[in-house]
Amino acid sequence: MVNTFSFSCSACGRCCNSPPSMSLAELFRHPNRFIGCIAIGRVARRRPGERLRVGRHEAVLDEADCARFEALADTLLYRAGDTFSIVAQGFDYPSLARCPALADDGRCAIHLQGKPLTCEVVPLDPLLPDSLQHLVLAERGDSAVYVGSACIQEGKRDDAALLVDEGRLADPHAEDALARRRRALEQERAIWTQAVFDALRADLFDSPAALARIPAGGFLTISLVPALLCVAAVSSRCRELCIDYIDSQLALIERSIAQALTRRRLDDRPVTQQLRGFANAYQHAKARLVNVAAVERRNGKRAARPDVEVYLSSAVD
């Protein structure tokens, strides 16, 4: 089997069928467009000799493959018995089947104004080793989302960029995008995801009953509030940025629910309930942060943290 794939994006919007994974900084850049949440997924641990098969494509993992998996897990993932991913994520009604940044003409409305880095990585997966990206392409090329778009093609093509050649990344732009997304995830770990993992460990990651809420092959989505409380504790300015973000999110959630009610779809109801839960969590978090601000005004502000403040004010480079 020749594990060679070419890729040519026509900006058709087929893969823009849901809100993307984003950094916290990217969510702060677009507070009026993307409803933010935390997405928690379970990631399988791999062992030498394990076979990964996608259609006609297969890989038998060796020690080197497993070492690459472990290296990614050490820097990007979290272990508590099983292995987990924790990322910031845009959130919306699945019934819409579109990214909130998709314009009416099917093009990205923020392509030149802070498009999330993860969109540059598509159709690759930063949580998989480079040597196995051909399996990602094989799976996505056969999926319902990509069928008909012809953007992912097996073999070398004159009209498309060679993305993976014999199982190795061949496109320097794709390689650079993967590296930047992984660096962004490492930065997220240092700023908030490790702290959120630690905070949720007892109630979620060490609880078999709670972990059952994470669907196979999917994600558990929870409020972004644990991340906001983490970064808001860094400095007075970070807290102010978080309060402003909460205000924007409350208004966006209200608009999204109002639009859903006009659609009158039964399958929207669970999402509406979850959004109301997000709004309630935001309101409680804002009250907590406002109270902290009042205490600081009496006792003096804490030191600034320019690194995190700049991070929240602009997307990751």
C-alpha atoms as a PDB file:
ATOM      1  CA  MET A   1       0.000   0.000   0.000  1.00  0.00           C
ATOM      2  CA  VAL A   2       1.396   3.370  -1.035  1.00  0.00           C
ATOM      3  CA  ASN A   3       0.895   5.787   1.844  1.00  0.00           C
ATOM      4  CA  THR A   4       1.100   8.920  -0.272  1.00  0.00           C
ATOM      5  CA  PHE A   5      -1.494  11.677  -0.265  1.00  0.00           C
ATOM      6  CA  SER A   6      -1.919  15.045  -1.948  1.00  0.00           C
ATOM      7  CA  PHE A   7      -4.081  17.885  -0.694  1.00  0.00           C
ATOM      8  CA  SER A   8      -5.603  20.910  -2.389  1.00  0.00           C
ATOM      9  CA  CYS A   9      -7.934  23.215  -0.476  1.00  0.00           C
ATOM     10  CA  SER A  10     -10.581  24.885  -2.639  1.00  0.00           C
ATOM     11  CA  ALA A  11     -12.101  26.759   0.348  1.00  0.00           C
ATOM     12  CA  CYS A  12     -15.373  24.923  -0.274  1.00  0.00           C
ATOM     13  CA  GLY A  13     -16.229  24.973   3.427  1.00  0.00           C
ATOM     14  CA  ARG A  14     -17.102  21.254   3.655  1.00  0.00           C
ATOM     15  CA  CYS A  15     -14.715  20.685   6.557  1.00  0.00           C
ATOM     16  CA  CYS A  16     -15.974  23.865   8.280  1.00  0.00           C
ATOM     17  CA  ASN A  17     -19.001  21.981   9.584  1.00  0.00           C
ATOM     18  CA  SER A  18     -18.524  22.727  13.281  1.00  0.00           C
ATOM     19  CA  PRO A  19     -16.669  25.183  15.519  1.00  0.00           C
ATOM     20  CA  PRO A  20     -12.925  24.416  15.643  1.00  0.00           C
ATOM     21  CA  SER A  21     -10.588  23.643  18.502  1.00  0.00           C
ATOM     22  CA  MET A  22      -9.029  26.929  19.545  1.00  0.00           C
ATOM     23  CA  SER A  23      -6.567  28.329  22.012  1.00  0.00           C
ATOM     24  CA  LEU A  24      -7.915  30.392  24.885  1.00  0.00           C
ATOM     25  CA  ALA A  25      -6.233  33.415  23.305  1.00  0.00           C
ATOM     26  CA  GLU A  26      -8.080  32.792  20.035  1.00  0.00           C
ATOM     27  CA  LEU A  27     -11.406  32.581  21.878  1.00  0.00           C
ATOM     28  CA  PHE A  28     -10.608  35.915  23.509  1.00  0.00           C
ATOM     29  CA  ARG A  29      -9.901  37.378  20.071  1.00  0.00           C
ATOM     30  CA  HIS A  30     -13.392  36.371  18.873  1.00  0.00           C
ATOM     31  CA  PRO A  31     -15.616  36.683  21.975  1.00  0.00           C
ATOM     32  CA  ASN A  32     -18.671  37.734  19.953  1.00  0.00           C
ATOM     33  CA  ARG A  33     -18.438  34.965  17.350  1.00  0.00           C
ATOM     34  CA  PHE A  34     -17.470  31.723  19.112  1.00  0.00           C
ATOM     35  CA  ILE A  35     -19.067  30.386  22.273  1.00  0.00           C
ATOM     36  CA  GLY A  36     -16.164  28.915  24.209  1.00  0.00           C
ATOM     37  CA  CYS A  37     -16.032  25.643  26.100  1.00  0.00           C
ATOM     38  CA  ILE A  38     -13.541  23.057  27.309  1.00  0.00           C
ATOM     39  CA  ALA A  39     -13.477  19.781  25.354  1.00  0.00           C
ATOM     40  CA  ILE A  40     -12.130  16.705  27.147  1.00  0.00           C
ATOM     41  CA  GLY A  41     -11.358  13.584  25.142  1.00  0.00           C
ATOM     42  CA  ARG A  42      -9.934  10.155  25.902  1.00  0.00           C
ATOM     43  CA  VAL A  43      -6.806   9.247  23.902  1.00  0.00           C
ATOM     44  CA  ALA A  44      -5.859   5.593  23.409  1.00  0.00           C
ATOM     45  CA  ARG A  45      -2.406   4.539  24.571  1.00  0.00           C
ATOM     46  CA  ARG A  46      -0.482   2.598  21.954  1.00  0.00           C
ATOM     47  CA  ARG A  47       1.755  -0.474  22.220  1.00  0.00           C
ATOM     48  CA  PRO A  48       4.366  -2.025  19.895  1.00  0.00           C
ATOM     49  CA  GLY A  49       2.816  -4.543  17.538  1.00  0.00           C
ATOM     50  CA  GLU A  50      -0.594  -2.856  17.597  1.00  0.00           C
ATOM     51  CA  ARG A  51      -2.250  -2.614  14.198  1.00  0.00           C
ATOM     52  CA  LEU A  52      -3.984   0.574  13.123  1.00  0.00           C
ATOM     53  CA  ARG A  53      -6.157   0.084  10.068  1.00  0.00           C
ATOM     54  CA  VAL A  54      -8.130   2.593   8.023  1.00  0.00           C
ATOM     55  CA  GLY A  55      -9.749   1.038   4.965  1.00  0.00           C
ATOM     56  CA  ARG A  56      -6.950  -0.408   2.837  1.00  0.00           C
ATOM     57  CA  HIS A  57      -4.286   1.422   4.843  1.00  0.00           C
ATOM     58  CA  GLU A  58      -2.583  -0.204   7.788  1.00  0.00           C
ATOM     59  CA  ALA A  59       0.296   0.516  10.132  1.00  0.00           C
ATOM     60  CA  VAL A  60       1.895  -1.897  12.584  1.00  0.00           C
ATOM     61  CA  LEU A  61       3.317   0.175  15.419  1.00  0.00           C
ATOM     62  CA  ASP A  62       6.939  -0.333  16.380  1.00  0.00           C
ATOM     63  CA  GLU A  63       8.934   0.961  19.348  1.00  0.00           C
ATOM     64  CA  ALA A  64       9.741   4.208  17.544  1.00  0.00           C
ATOM     65  CA  ASP A  65       6.048   4.880  16.790  1.00  0.00           C
ATOM     66  CA  CYS A  66       5.101   4.296  20.423  1.00  0.00           C
ATOM     67  CA  ALA A  67       7.949   6.521  21.608  1.00  0.00           C
ATOM     68  CA  ARG A  68       6.546   9.310  19.398  1.00  0.00           C
ATOM     69  CA  PHE A  69       3.093   8.790  20.898  1.00  0.00           C
ATOM     70  CA  GLU A  70       4.574   8.970  24.395  1.00  0.00           C
ATOM     71  CA  ALA A  71       6.540  12.129  23.566  1.00  0.00           C
ATOM     72  CA  LEU A  72       3.345  13.859  22.425  1.00  0.00           C
ATOM     73  CA  ALA A  73       1.498  12.618  25.512  1.00  0.00           C
ATOM     74  CA  ASP A  74       4.224  13.948  27.798  1.00  0.00           C
ATOM     75  CA  THR A  75       3.898  17.481  26.431  1.00  0.00           C
ATOM     76  CA  LEU A  76       0.297  17.764  25.184  1.00  0.00           C
ATOM     77  CA  LEU A  77      -1.845  15.257  27.082  1.00  0.00           C
ATOM     78  CA  TYR A  78      -2.763  14.318  30.644  1.00  0.00           C
ATOM     79  CA  ARG A  79      -2.567  10.975  32.421  1.00  0.00           C
ATOM     80  CA  ALA A  80      -4.820   9.671  35.164  1.00  0.00           C
ATOM     81  CA  GLY A  81      -4.966   5.938  34.495  1.00  0.00           C
ATOM     82  CA  ASP A  82      -6.122   6.674  30.940  1.00  0.00           C
ATOM     83  CA  THR A  83      -4.756   9.479  28.767  1.00  0.00           C
ATOM     84  CA  PHE A  84      -6.806  12.598  28.075  1.00  0.00           C
ATOM     85  CA  SER A  85      -6.771  15.695  25.893  1.00  0.00           C
ATOM     86  CA  ILE A  86      -7.959  19.046  27.246  1.00  0.00           C
ATOM     87  CA  VAL A  87      -8.475  21.851  24.741  1.00  0.00           C
ATOM     88  CA  ALA A  88     -10.458  25.028  24.353  1.00  0.00           C
ATOM     89  CA  GLN A  89     -13.172  24.650  21.742  1.00  0.00           C
ATOM     90  CA  GLY A  90     -15.801  26.649  19.944  1.00  0.00           C
ATOM     91  CA  PHE A  91     -19.336  25.466  20.716  1.00  0.00           C
ATOM     92  CA  ASP A  92     -22.564  25.699  18.754  1.00  0.00           C
ATOM     93  CA  TYR A  93     -25.676  23.805  17.751  1.00  0.00           C
ATOM     94  CA  PRO A  94     -24.681  20.681  15.747  1.00  0.00           C
ATOM     95  CA  SER A  95     -27.890  21.067  13.735  1.00  0.00           C
ATOM     96  CA  LEU A  96     -26.372  24.157  12.100  1.00  0.00           C
ATOM     97  CA  ALA A  97     -23.576  21.986  10.668  1.00  0.00           C
ATOM     98  CA  ARG A  98     -21.327  24.978  10.101  1.00  0.00           C
ATOM     99  CA  CYS A  99     -18.567  26.941  11.758  1.00  0.00           C
ATOM    100  CA  PRO A 100     -19.744  30.300  13.169  1.00  0.00           C
ATOM    101  CA  ALA A 101     -17.002  31.945  11.094  1.00  0.00           C
ATOM    102  CA  LEU A 102     -18.429  30.652   7.820  1.00  0.00           C
ATOM    103  CA  ALA A 103     -19.895  33.466   5.730  1.00  0.00           C
ATOM    104  CA  ASP A 104     -23.045  33.162   3.631  1.00  0.00           C
ATOM    105  CA  ASP A 105     -20.945  32.474   0.525  1.00  0.00           C
ATOM    106  CA  GLY A 106     -19.310  29.476   2.227  1.00  0.00           C
ATOM    107  CA  ARG A 107     -15.981  31.237   2.758  1.00  0.00           C
ATOM    108  CA  CYS A 108     -14.213  31.874   6.045  1.00  0.00           C
ATOM    109  CA  ALA A 109     -15.098  35.347   7.321  1.00  0.00           C
ATOM    110  CA  ILE A 110     -11.981  35.539   9.510  1.00  0.00           C
ATOM    111  CA  HIS A 111      -9.448  33.999   7.149  1.00  0.00           C
ATOM    112  CA  LEU A 112      -7.314  37.157   7.302  1.00  0.00           C
ATOM    113  CA  GLN A 113      -8.491  38.354  10.739  1.00  0.00           C
ATOM    114  CA  GLY A 114      -7.298  35.776  13.245  1.00  0.00           C
ATOM    115  CA  LYS A 115      -8.328  32.437  11.776  1.00  0.00           C
ATOM    116  CA  PRO A 116      -7.632  29.756  14.433  1.00  0.00           C
ATOM    117  CA  LEU A 117      -4.306  27.998  14.035  1.00  0.00           C
ATOM    118  CA  THR A 118      -5.976  24.606  14.122  1.00  0.00           C
ATOM    119  CA  CYS A 119      -7.663  25.469  10.802  1.00  0.00           C
ATOM    120  CA  GLU A 120      -4.216  25.703   9.191  1.00  0.00           C
ATOM    121  CA  VAL A 121      -3.479  22.180  10.405  1.00  0.00           C
ATOM    122  CA  VAL A 122      -6.528  20.653   8.688  1.00  0.00           C
ATOM    123  CA  PRO A 123      -6.675  17.891   7.535  1.00  0.00           C
ATOM    124  CA  LEU A 124      -3.849  16.694   9.833  1.00  0.00           C
ATOM    125  CA  ASP A 125      -3.982  15.857  13.554  1.00  0.00           C
ATOM    126  CA  PRO A 126      -1.419  17.412  15.928  1.00  0.00           C
ATOM    127  CA  LEU A 127      -2.034  14.713  18.548  1.00  0.00           C
ATOM    128  CA  LEU A 128      -0.740  11.970  16.254  1.00  0.00           C
ATOM    129  CA  PRO A 129       2.925  11.445  15.277  1.00  0.00           C
ATOM    130  CA  ASP A 130       3.939  12.773  11.877  1.00  0.00           C
ATOM    131  CA  SER A 131       4.729   9.242  10.736  1.00  0.00           C
ATOM    132  CA  LEU A 132       1.053   8.243  11.043  1.00  0.00           C
ATOM    133  CA  GLN A 133      -0.601  11.273   9.463  1.00  0.00           C
ATOM    134  CA  HIS A 134      -1.316   9.201   6.341  1.00  0.00           C
ATOM    135  CA  LEU A 135      -3.888   7.254   8.383  1.00  0.00           C
ATOM    136  CA  VAL A 136      -5.584  10.535   9.328  1.00  0.00           C
ATOM    137  CA  LEU A 137      -5.758  11.465   5.650  1.00  0.00           C
ATOM    138  CA  ALA A 138      -7.041   8.014   4.651  1.00  0.00           C
ATOM    139  CA  GLU A 139      -9.821   8.217   7.235  1.00  0.00           C
ATOM    140  CA  ARG A 140     -10.828  11.782   6.427  1.00  0.00           C
ATOM    141  CA  GLY A 141     -10.619  11.226   2.687  1.00  0.00           C
ATOM    142  CA  ASP A 142     -13.251   8.491   3.007  1.00  0.00           C
ATOM    143  CA  SER A 143     -15.469  10.331   5.483  1.00  0.00           C
ATOM    144  CA  ALA A 144     -18.847  11.797   4.587  1.00  0.00           C
ATOM    145  CA  VAL A 145     -17.525  15.299   5.263  1.00  0.00           C
ATOM    146  CA  TYR A 146     -14.815  15.135   2.624  1.00  0.00           C
ATOM    147  CA  VAL A 147     -16.459  12.893   0.003  1.00  0.00           C
ATOM    148  CA  GLY A 148     -17.170  14.968  -3.080  1.00  0.00           C
ATOM    149  CA  SER A 149     -14.681  17.676  -2.251  1.00  0.00           C
ATOM    150  CA  ALA A 150     -11.723  15.834  -3.843  1.00  0.00           C
ATOM    151  CA  CYS A 151      -9.337  17.831  -1.651  1.00  0.00           C
ATOM    152  CA  ILE A 152      -7.637  14.692  -0.283  1.00  0.00           C
ATOM    153  CA  GLN A 153      -6.341  12.415  -3.021  1.00  0.00           C
ATOM    154  CA  GLU A 154      -4.187   9.291  -2.874  1.00  0.00           C
ATOM    155  CA  GLY A 155      -0.882   9.499  -4.715  1.00  0.00           C
ATOM    156  CA  LYS A 156       0.942  12.418  -6.302  1.00  0.00           C
ATOM    157  CA  ARG A 157      -1.116  14.942  -8.256  1.00  0.00           C
ATOM    158  CA  ASP A 158      -0.116  17.732 -10.609  1.00  0.00           C
ATOM    159  CA  ASP A 159      -2.928  19.956  -9.324  1.00  0.00           C
ATOM    160  CA  ALA A 160      -2.388  19.447  -5.586  1.00  0.00           C
ATOM    161  CA  ALA A 161       0.395  19.782  -3.034  1.00  0.00           C
ATOM    162  CA  LEU A 162       2.121  16.583  -1.983  1.00  0.00           C
ATOM    163  CA  LEU A 163       1.231  16.361   1.702  1.00  0.00           C
ATOM    164  CA  VAL A 164       2.463  12.921   2.779  1.00  0.00           C
ATOM    165  CA  ASP A 165       4.936  10.837   0.767  1.00  0.00           C
ATOM    166  CA  GLU A 166       5.416   7.191   1.748  1.00  0.00           C
ATOM    167  CA  GLY A 167       4.166   7.932   5.245  1.00  0.00           C
ATOM    168  CA  ARG A 168       6.370  11.020   5.764  1.00  0.00           C
ATOM    169  CA  LEU A 169       5.261  14.642   5.801  1.00  0.00           C
ATOM    170  CA  ALA A 170       6.341  16.185   2.514  1.00  0.00           C
ATOM    171  CA  ASP A 171       4.806  19.668   2.750  1.00  0.00           C
ATOM    172  CA  PRO A 172       6.921  22.143   4.777  1.00  0.00           C
ATOM    173  CA  HIS A 173       3.905  24.414   5.311  1.00  0.00           C
ATOM    174  CA  ALA A 174       1.911  21.567   6.853  1.00  0.00           C
ATOM    175  CA  GLU A 175       4.882  20.533   8.953  1.00  0.00           C
ATOM    176  CA  ASP A 176       5.241  24.106  10.210  1.00  0.00           C
ATOM    177  CA  ALA A 177       1.515  24.368  11.007  1.00  0.00           C
ATOM    178  CA  LEU A 178       1.641  21.140  13.028  1.00  0.00           C
ATOM    179  CA  ALA A 179       4.673  22.375  14.952  1.00  0.00           C
ATOM    180  CA  ARG A 180       3.025  25.728  15.724  1.00  0.00           C
ATOM    181  CA  ARG A 181      -0.214  24.089  16.877  1.00  0.00           C
ATOM    182  CA  ARG A 182       1.726  21.770  19.161  1.00  0.00           C
ATOM    183  CA  ARG A 183       3.669  24.712  20.604  1.00  0.00           C
ATOM    184  CA  ALA A 184       0.360  26.498  21.185  1.00  0.00           C
ATOM    185  CA  LEU A 185      -0.975  23.452  23.058  1.00  0.00           C
ATOM    186  CA  GLU A 186       2.173  23.397  25.177  1.00  0.00           C
ATOM    187  CA  GLN A 187       1.646  27.062  25.975  1.00  0.00           C
ATOM    188  CA  GLU A 188      -1.966  26.361  26.907  1.00  0.00           C
ATOM    189  CA  ARG A 189      -0.720  23.644  29.249  1.00  0.00           C
ATOM    190  CA  ALA A 190       1.565  26.090  31.032  1.00  0.00           C
ATOM    191  CA  ILE A 191      -1.114  28.780  31.303  1.00  0.00           C
ATOM    192  CA  TRP A 192      -4.300  26.873  32.149  1.00  0.00           C
ATOM    193  CA  THR A 193      -4.894  23.278  31.003  1.00  0.00           C
ATOM    194  CA  GLN A 194      -2.597  21.649  33.580  1.00  0.00           C
ATOM    195  CA  ALA A 195      -4.265  23.683  36.329  1.00  0.00           C
ATOM    196  CA  VAL A 196      -7.727  22.664  35.069  1.00  0.00           C
ATOM    197  CA  PHE A 197      -6.674  19.013  34.926  1.00  0.00           C
ATOM    198  CA  ASP A 198      -5.450  19.209  38.525  1.00  0.00           C
ATOM    199  CA  ALA A 199      -8.642  20.965  39.639  1.00  0.00           C
ATOM    200  CA  LEU A 200     -10.911  18.387  37.969  1.00  0.00           C
ATOM    201  CA  ARG A 201      -8.882  15.316  38.814  1.00  0.00           C
ATOM    202  CA  ALA A 202     -10.774  14.150  41.901  1.00  0.00           C
ATOM    203  CA  ASP A 203     -14.288  14.793  40.548  1.00  0.00           C
ATOM    204  CA  LEU A 204     -13.717  13.687  36.957  1.00  0.00           C
ATOM    205  CA  PHE A 205     -10.464  11.991  36.011  1.00  0.00           C
ATOM    206  CA  ASP A 206     -10.286   9.735  39.083  1.00  0.00           C
ATOM    207  CA  SER A 207     -13.996   8.885  38.966  1.00  0.00           C
ATOM    208  CA  PRO A 208     -15.030   5.966  36.683  1.00  0.00           C
ATOM    209  CA  ALA A 209     -18.667   7.068  36.881  1.00  0.00           C
ATOM    210  CA  ALA A 210     -17.818  10.616  35.808  1.00  0.00           C
ATOM    211  CA  LEU A 211     -15.500   9.418  33.040  1.00  0.00           C
ATOM    212  CA  ALA A 212     -18.380   7.438  31.545  1.00  0.00           C
ATOM    213  CA  ARG A 213     -19.706  10.822  30.394  1.00  0.00           C
ATOM    214  CA  ILE A 214     -16.905  11.035  27.808  1.00  0.00           C
ATOM    215  CA  PRO A 215     -18.355   9.375  24.672  1.00  0.00           C
ATOM    216  CA  ALA A 216     -16.278   6.911  22.678  1.00  0.00           C
ATOM    217  CA  GLY A 217     -14.557   8.800  19.884  1.00  0.00           C
ATOM    218  CA  GLY A 218     -16.018  12.075  21.100  1.00  0.00           C
ATOM    219  CA  PHE A 219     -15.621  14.739  23.748  1.00  0.00           C
ATOM    220  CA  LEU A 220     -17.138  15.860  26.988  1.00  0.00           C
ATOM    221  CA  THR A 221     -17.815  19.588  26.686  1.00  0.00           C
ATOM    222  CA  ILE A 222     -17.954  21.649  29.849  1.00  0.00           C
ATOM    223  CA  SER A 223     -18.088  25.343  30.649  1.00  0.00           C
ATOM    224  CA  LEU A 224     -14.991  27.445  30.005  1.00  0.00           C
ATOM    225  CA  VAL A 225     -15.268  28.836  33.534  1.00  0.00           C
ATOM    226  CA  PRO A 226     -12.512  26.650  35.100  1.00  0.00           C
ATOM    227  CA  ALA A 227     -10.054  28.042  32.533  1.00  0.00           C
ATOM    228  CA  LEU A 228     -11.208  31.628  33.130  1.00  0.00           C
ATOM    229  CA  LEU A 229     -10.885  31.334  36.898  1.00  0.00           C
ATOM    230  CA  CYS A 230      -7.380  29.977  36.420  1.00  0.00           C
ATOM    231  CA  VAL A 231      -6.129  32.861  34.274  1.00  0.00           C
ATOM    232  CA  ALA A 232      -8.158  35.492  36.152  1.00  0.00           C
ATOM    233  CA  ALA A 233      -6.190  34.638  39.305  1.00  0.00           C
ATOM    234  CA  VAL A 234      -2.920  35.650  37.627  1.00  0.00           C
ATOM    235  CA  SER A 235      -3.350  39.447  37.819  1.00  0.00           C
ATOM    236  CA  SER A 236      -5.866  42.247  38.051  1.00  0.00           C
ATOM    237  CA  ARG A 237      -5.634  42.897  34.315  1.00  0.00           C
ATOM    238  CA  CYS A 238      -6.280  39.221  33.511  1.00  0.00           C
ATOM    239  CA  ARG A 239      -9.339  39.318  35.723  1.00  0.00           C
ATOM    240  CA  GLU A 240     -10.619  42.407  33.895  1.00  0.00           C
ATOM    241  CA  LEU A 241     -10.104  40.670  30.547  1.00  0.00           C
ATOM    242  CA  CYS A 242     -12.028  37.646  31.808  1.00  0.00           C
ATOM    243  CA  ILE A 243     -14.942  39.759  33.024  1.00  0.00           C
ATOM    244  CA  ASP A 244     -15.134  41.504  29.638  1.00  0.00           C
ATOM    245  CA  TYR A 245     -15.034  38.111  27.916  1.00  0.00           C
ATOM    246  CA  ILE A 246     -17.831  36.784  30.137  1.00  0.00           C
ATOM    247  CA  ASP A 247     -20.028  39.776  29.269  1.00  0.00           C
ATOM    248  CA  SER A 248     -19.527  39.132  25.548  1.00  0.00           C
ATOM    249  CA  GLN A 249     -20.239  35.426  25.974  1.00  0.00           C
ATOM    250  CA  LEU A 250     -23.448  36.024  27.906  1.00  0.00           C
ATOM    251  CA  ALA A 251     -24.738  38.245  25.099  1.00  0.00           C
ATOM    252  CA  LEU A 252     -23.687  35.729  22.426  1.00  0.00           C
ATOM    253  CA  ILE A 253     -25.325  32.824  24.254  1.00  0.00           C
ATOM    254  CA  GLU A 254     -28.548  34.818  24.591  1.00  0.00           C
ATOM    255  CA  ARG A 255     -28.554  35.511  20.832  1.00  0.00           C
ATOM    256  CA  SER A 256     -27.787  31.875  19.984  1.00  0.00           C
ATOM    257  CA  ILE A 257     -30.593  30.550  22.156  1.00  0.00           C
ATOM    258  CA  ALA A 258     -33.062  33.082  20.724  1.00  0.00           C
ATOM    259  CA  GLN A 259     -32.182  31.964  17.183  1.00  0.00           C
ATOM    260  CA  ALA A 260     -32.534  28.305  18.168  1.00  0.00           C
ATOM    261  CA  LEU A 261     -35.993  28.905  19.593  1.00  0.00           C
ATOM    262  CA  THR A 262     -37.125  30.306  16.242  1.00  0.00           C
ATOM    263  CA  ARG A 263     -35.871  27.139  14.480  1.00  0.00           C
ATOM    264  CA  ARG A 264     -38.049  24.942  16.732  1.00  0.00           C
ATOM    265  CA  ARG A 265     -35.930  21.815  16.307  1.00  0.00           C
ATOM    266  CA  LEU A 266     -36.292  19.071  18.916  1.00  0.00           C
ATOM    267  CA  ASP A 267     -32.630  18.109  18.562  1.00  0.00           C
ATOM    268  CA  ASP A 268     -31.609  21.649  19.571  1.00  0.00           C
ATOM    269  CA  ARG A 269     -33.137  21.341  23.024  1.00  0.00           C
ATOM    270  CA  PRO A 270     -30.243  19.537  24.791  1.00  0.00           C
ATOM    271  CA  VAL A 271     -27.792  22.105  23.424  1.00  0.00           C
ATOM    272  CA  THR A 272     -30.022  24.951  24.573  1.00  0.00           C
ATOM    273  CA  GLN A 273     -30.021  23.431  28.052  1.00  0.00           C
ATOM    274  CA  GLN A 274     -26.252  23.162  27.996  1.00  0.00           C
ATOM    275  CA  LEU A 275     -25.901  26.769  26.843  1.00  0.00           C
ATOM    276  CA  ARG A 276     -28.145  27.897  29.680  1.00  0.00           C
ATOM    277  CA  GLY A 277     -25.844  25.983  31.999  1.00  0.00           C
ATOM    278  CA  PHE A 278     -22.852  27.787  30.485  1.00  0.00           C
ATOM    279  CA  ALA A 279     -24.591  31.138  31.030  1.00  0.00           C
ATOM    280  CA  ASN A 280     -25.371  30.287  34.646  1.00  0.00           C
ATOM    281  CA  ALA A 281     -21.745  29.290  35.250  1.00  0.00           C
ATOM    282  CA  TYR A 282     -20.550  32.531  33.631  1.00  0.00           C
ATOM    283  CA  GLN A 283     -22.839  34.615  35.836  1.00  0.00           C
ATOM    284  CA  HIS A 284     -21.574  32.947  39.012  1.00  0.00           C
ATOM    285  CA  ALA A 285     -17.970  33.305  37.854  1.00  0.00           C
ATOM    286  CA  LYS A 286     -18.447  37.001  37.095  1.00  0.00           C
ATOM    287  CA  ALA A 287     -19.913  37.633  40.537  1.00  0.00           C
ATOM    288  CA  ARG A 288     -16.951  35.873  42.081  1.00  0.00           C
ATOM    289  CA  LEU A 289     -14.448  37.903  40.053  1.00  0.00           C
ATOM    290  CA  VAL A 290     -16.216  41.189  40.815  1.00  0.00           C
ATOM    291  CA  ASN A 291     -16.038  40.373  44.538  1.00  0.00           C
ATOM    292  CA  VAL A 292     -12.308  39.694  44.228  1.00  0.00           C
ATOM    293  CA  ALA A 293     -11.890  43.044  42.486  1.00  0.00           C
ATOM    294  CA  ALA A 294     -13.624  44.817  45.374  1.00  0.00           C
ATOM    295  CA  VAL A 295     -11.304  43.169  47.890  1.00  0.00           C
ATOM    296  CA  GLU A 296      -8.263  44.174  45.844  1.00  0.00           C
ATOM    297  CA  ARG A 297      -9.416  47.771  45.679  1.00  0.00           C
ATOM    298  CA  ARG A 298      -9.377  47.816  49.458  1.00  0.00           C
ATOM    299  CA  ASN A 299      -6.149  45.891  49.941  1.00  0.00           C
ATOM    300  CA  GLY A 300      -4.147  46.923  46.884  1.00  0.00           C
ATOM    301  CA  LYS A 301      -3.791  45.345  43.424  1.00  0.00           C
ATOM    302  CA  ARG A 302      -1.620  42.333  42.844  1.00  0.00           C
ATOM    303  CA  ALA A 303       1.406  42.421  40.557  1.00  0.00           C
ATOM    304  CA  ALA A 304       0.920  42.439  36.790  1.00  0.00           C
ATOM    305  CA  ARG A 305       1.734  39.430  34.619  1.00  0.00           C
ATOM    306  CA  PRO A 306       2.502  40.924  31.192  1.00  0.00           C
ATOM    307  CA  ASP A 307       3.153  37.517  29.618  1.00  0.00           C
ATOM    308  CA  VAL A 308      -0.316  36.122  30.351  1.00  0.00           C
ATOM    309  CA  GLU A 309      -1.977  39.494  29.801  1.00  0.00           C
ATOM    310  CA  VAL A 310      -0.461  39.784  26.332  1.00  0.00           C
ATOM    311  CA  TYR A 311      -1.381  36.168  25.653  1.00  0.00           C
ATOM    312  CA  LEU A 312      -5.061  36.785  26.408  1.00  0.00           C
ATOM    313  CA  SER A 313      -5.051  39.969  24.347  1.00  0.00           C
ATOM    314  CA  SER A 314      -3.830  38.382  21.120  1.00  0.00           C
ATOM    315  CA  ALA A 315      -3.844  35.000  19.414  1.00  0.00           C
ATOM    316  CA  VAL A 316      -0.802  32.751  19.541  1.00  0.00           C
ATOM    317  CA  ASP A 317       1.733  33.401  16.757  1.00  0.00           C
END
